[in-house]
Each structure stands twice: as structure tokens, then as C-alpha cells.
């Protein structure tokens, strides 16, 4: 699904987890990528104007996976004709990273879910706020499997 208004189309975000095969105690990273089209911007996570809608990523709790706070990219400061206030915005490729780690009791597989909300604008108008569902399939490996810690950093073994 894409978000489209006034001739502007913003594709849904992509999601990846590195490494894709998680072992207990091995740090991992969930990355949400949004490609903002040329001529558009989205409001930063902490906009200067309280009336603007910030970019916010929320990740749901899941089993024995600890998820940290999202790390947002640095915003670009811009001025637009329609406001005397400088705005903090994102343009182009926007990567939001979330640190995560699997606990000792995790095994099998799971899905990490959440939501990404933002408001896209052109230089003259803002589109309605958009919310995308986020889902990432994760393979979890329990501590009882031989070689769990070594494979966690290298990915799954071939079968």
C-alpha cells in the first residue's frame, strides 16, 4: 500500500533485522527505512513547532526479546515560505534503528510488530498523517542448541 495525496506517492517503509538469526545475548538491530520522494519531506521526530506531527516509531513488546528506544536520524533544518519558523525535517532515505536483544528463554521464531507514523509535506502543503504497520519475522535460537552464540553473529547454518 502506498500513501498518495495531491499527486505525491510515498511507498511503505521497508524493514530488516541484522543479524536475521538471533541468539541469546547477541545484540541485533531492527532498521525501518522510509524513502521520501524528491520534493517532499516528513517532519522530524522532535519538530520545533508543537503543532506539527512528529515521525514516531512504536515497537510492540514480544516475548523474550528486549527492544530499545528508536534512534532517529539527524534532522535537516529548513525554512519554508509559509512559516517564519525553521523546521526540522527528514528528506530522502530515512533510517530509524532500534537496538534489540534476545533473552535466554527465547526459541523458535516470532514476529516483531509496530507502527510508523509521520506527516509528509511538499513545500506548499502537508498531506494527512500516515500510519504504516511494521512487521518483521525473526528467527530466534534458544541457548540449548549447540553453537547458538557463534551462529547468532553469522546467521543461520545451511540445511
Protein backbone atom coordinates (compact mmCIF):
# COMPACT_ATOMS: atom_id res chain seq x y z
CA UNK A 1 0.00 0.00 0.00
CA UNK A 2 1.24 3.48 -0.76
CA UNK A 3 0.15 6.77 0.68
CA UNK A 4 -0.96 9.16 -2.06
CA UNK A 5 -2.49 12.62 -1.91
CA UNK A 6 -2.25 15.54 -4.28
CA UNK A 7 -0.11 13.61 -6.74
CA UNK A 8 2.50 12.64 -4.13
CA UNK A 9 3.07 8.93 -3.51
CA UNK A 10 5.17 7.68 -0.61
CA UNK A 11 5.96 3.97 -0.70
CA UNK A 12 5.59 1.94 2.51
CA UNK A 13 8.69 1.55 4.66
CA UNK A 14 10.98 -1.45 4.37
CA UNK A 15 12.03 -3.44 7.44
CA UNK A 16 15.15 -5.50 8.11
CA UNK A 17 16.79 -7.15 11.11
CA UNK A 18 20.53 -7.72 11.37
CA UNK A 19 21.56 -10.40 12.00
CA UNK A 20 18.43 -12.18 10.77
CA UNK A 21 19.12 -15.20 13.01
CA UNK A 22 19.23 -14.11 16.65
CA UNK A 23 20.88 -15.90 19.55
CA UNK A 24 20.54 -15.07 23.26
CA UNK A 25 22.74 -12.21 24.36
CA UNK A 26 23.84 -11.23 20.85
CA UNK A 27 22.97 -7.58 20.06
CA UNK A 28 20.85 -7.04 16.96
CA UNK A 29 19.33 -4.11 15.12
CA UNK A 30 15.90 -3.55 13.61
CA UNK A 31 16.05 -0.93 10.84
CA UNK A 32 12.98 0.76 9.39
CA UNK A 33 13.70 2.59 6.12
CA UNK A 34 11.38 5.13 4.56
CA UNK A 35 12.21 6.62 1.15
CA UNK A 36 10.78 10.14 0.97
CA UNK A 37 10.34 11.21 -2.68
CA UNK A 38 12.14 14.22 -4.16
CA UNK A 39 10.25 17.44 -3.47
CA UNK A 40 8.80 16.09 -0.21
CA UNK A 41 9.85 15.97 3.41
CA UNK A 42 8.48 14.50 6.61
CA UNK A 43 8.51 16.15 9.99
CA UNK A 44 11.37 15.08 12.27
CA UNK A 45 10.87 13.05 15.44
CA UNK A 46 11.11 16.21 17.54
CA UNK A 47 9.74 19.08 15.41
CA UNK A 48 10.36 22.63 16.61
CA UNK A 49 6.72 23.59 16.16
CA UNK A 50 4.44 21.71 18.60
CA UNK A 51 1.58 21.81 16.08
CA UNK A 52 3.46 19.65 13.58
CA UNK A 53 3.06 15.89 13.63
CA UNK A 54 6.34 14.15 14.52
CA UNK A 55 7.73 10.99 12.97
CA UNK A 56 7.22 8.27 15.59
CA UNK A 57 8.13 4.58 15.56
CA UNK A 58 6.48 2.34 18.16
CA UNK A 59 7.55 -1.29 18.55
CA UNK A 60 5.34 -3.75 20.44
CA UNK A 61 6.76 -5.93 23.22
CA UNK A 62 7.25 -9.56 22.19
CA UNK A 63 8.16 -12.50 24.41
CA UNK A 64 11.78 -12.69 25.48
CA UNK A 65 13.03 -10.02 23.06
CA UNK A 66 14.23 -6.76 24.60
CA UNK A 67 13.69 -3.80 22.32
CA UNK A 68 15.43 -0.48 22.94
CA UNK A 69 14.37 3.04 22.07
CA UNK A 70 14.33 4.02 18.40
CA UNK A 71 17.34 6.01 17.20
CA UNK A 72 16.17 8.65 14.72
CA UNK A 73 18.44 10.27 12.13
CA UNK A 74 19.64 13.85 12.47
CA UNK A 75 17.11 16.27 11.07
CA UNK A 76 17.75 18.84 8.36
CA UNK A 77 16.84 22.43 9.31
CA UNK A 78 14.85 24.20 6.59
CA UNK A 79 12.77 27.32 6.15
CA UNK A 80 9.59 27.38 4.05
CA UNK A 81 7.67 30.36 2.63
CA UNK A 82 4.51 29.50 4.54
CA UNK A 83 6.07 29.76 8.01
CA UNK A 84 8.53 32.12 9.72
CA UNK A 85 9.78 29.22 11.86
CA UNK A 86 12.68 26.98 10.80
CA UNK A 87 11.57 23.35 10.71
CA UNK A 88 13.38 20.10 11.45
CA UNK A 89 12.62 17.65 8.64
CA UNK A 90 13.79 14.41 7.03
CA UNK A 91 14.35 14.06 3.28
CA UNK A 92 15.40 11.20 1.03
CA UNK A 93 16.28 7.91 2.71
CA UNK A 94 15.28 7.88 6.39
CA UNK A 95 16.66 5.02 8.54
CA UNK A 96 15.31 4.56 12.05
CA UNK A 97 17.24 1.97 14.03
CA UNK A 98 16.08 0.03 17.07
CA UNK A 99 18.56 -1.95 19.18
CA UNK A 100 17.28 -5.34 20.31
CA UNK A 101 18.45 -8.49 22.04
CA UNK A 102 17.04 -11.97 22.57
CA UNK A 103 16.76 -13.23 26.13
CA UNK A 104 17.89 -16.63 27.43
CA UNK A 105 14.41 -18.18 27.23
CA UNK A 106 13.68 -17.32 23.58
CA UNK A 107 13.49 -20.11 20.99
CA UNK A 108 11.84 -20.74 17.62
CA UNK A 109 10.50 -17.78 15.67
CA UNK A 110 8.47 -14.67 16.31
CA UNK A 111 7.19 -11.55 14.63
CA UNK A 112 8.11 -8.09 15.83
CA UNK A 113 5.33 -5.62 15.12
CA UNK A 114 4.79 -1.91 15.48
CA UNK A 115 3.70 1.29 13.79
CA UNK A 116 5.44 4.12 11.97
CA UNK A 117 3.55 7.43 11.96
CA UNK A 118 4.60 10.55 10.10
CA UNK A 119 3.32 13.52 8.14
CA UNK A 120 4.66 14.14 4.67
CA UNK A 121 4.69 17.60 3.11
CA UNK A 122 5.70 19.38 -0.05
CA UNK A 123 6.99 22.96 0.01
CA UNK A 124 3.40 24.24 -0.16
CA UNK A 125 1.12 21.69 1.54
CA UNK A 126 1.08 18.89 4.10
CA UNK A 127 -0.64 15.59 3.48
CA UNK A 128 -2.81 13.91 6.09
CA UNK A 129 -0.81 11.94 8.69
CA UNK A 130 0.10 8.40 7.65
CA UNK A 131 0.47 5.28 9.79
CA UNK A 132 2.12 2.12 8.46
CA UNK A 133 2.02 -1.24 10.23
CA UNK A 134 5.50 -2.67 10.71
CA UNK A 135 6.18 -6.41 10.87
CA UNK A 136 9.50 -8.27 10.86
CA UNK A 137 9.90 -12.02 11.01
CA UNK A 138 12.70 -13.07 13.33
CA UNK A 139 14.29 -16.46 13.80
CA UNK A 140 15.19 -16.98 17.42
CA UNK A 141 17.61 -19.55 18.71
CA UNK A 142 17.42 -20.91 22.25
CA UNK A 143 20.51 -21.43 24.45
CA UNK A 144 20.12 -25.21 24.47
CA UNK A 145 21.13 -25.56 20.80
CA UNK A 146 24.83 -26.29 20.20
CA UNK A 147 26.69 -23.40 18.58
CA UNK A 148 23.97 -20.86 19.35
CA UNK A 149 26.29 -17.97 20.18
CA UNK A 150 28.58 -18.50 17.18
CA UNK A 151 25.75 -18.68 14.64
CA UNK A 152 23.94 -15.70 16.16
CA UNK A 153 26.62 -13.40 14.81
CA UNK A 154 26.96 -15.19 11.46
CA UNK A 155 23.39 -16.10 10.53
CA UNK A 156 21.68 -19.47 10.20
CA UNK A 157 23.59 -22.57 9.23
CA UNK A 158 22.87 -24.12 5.86
CA UNK A 159 20.44 -27.02 5.67
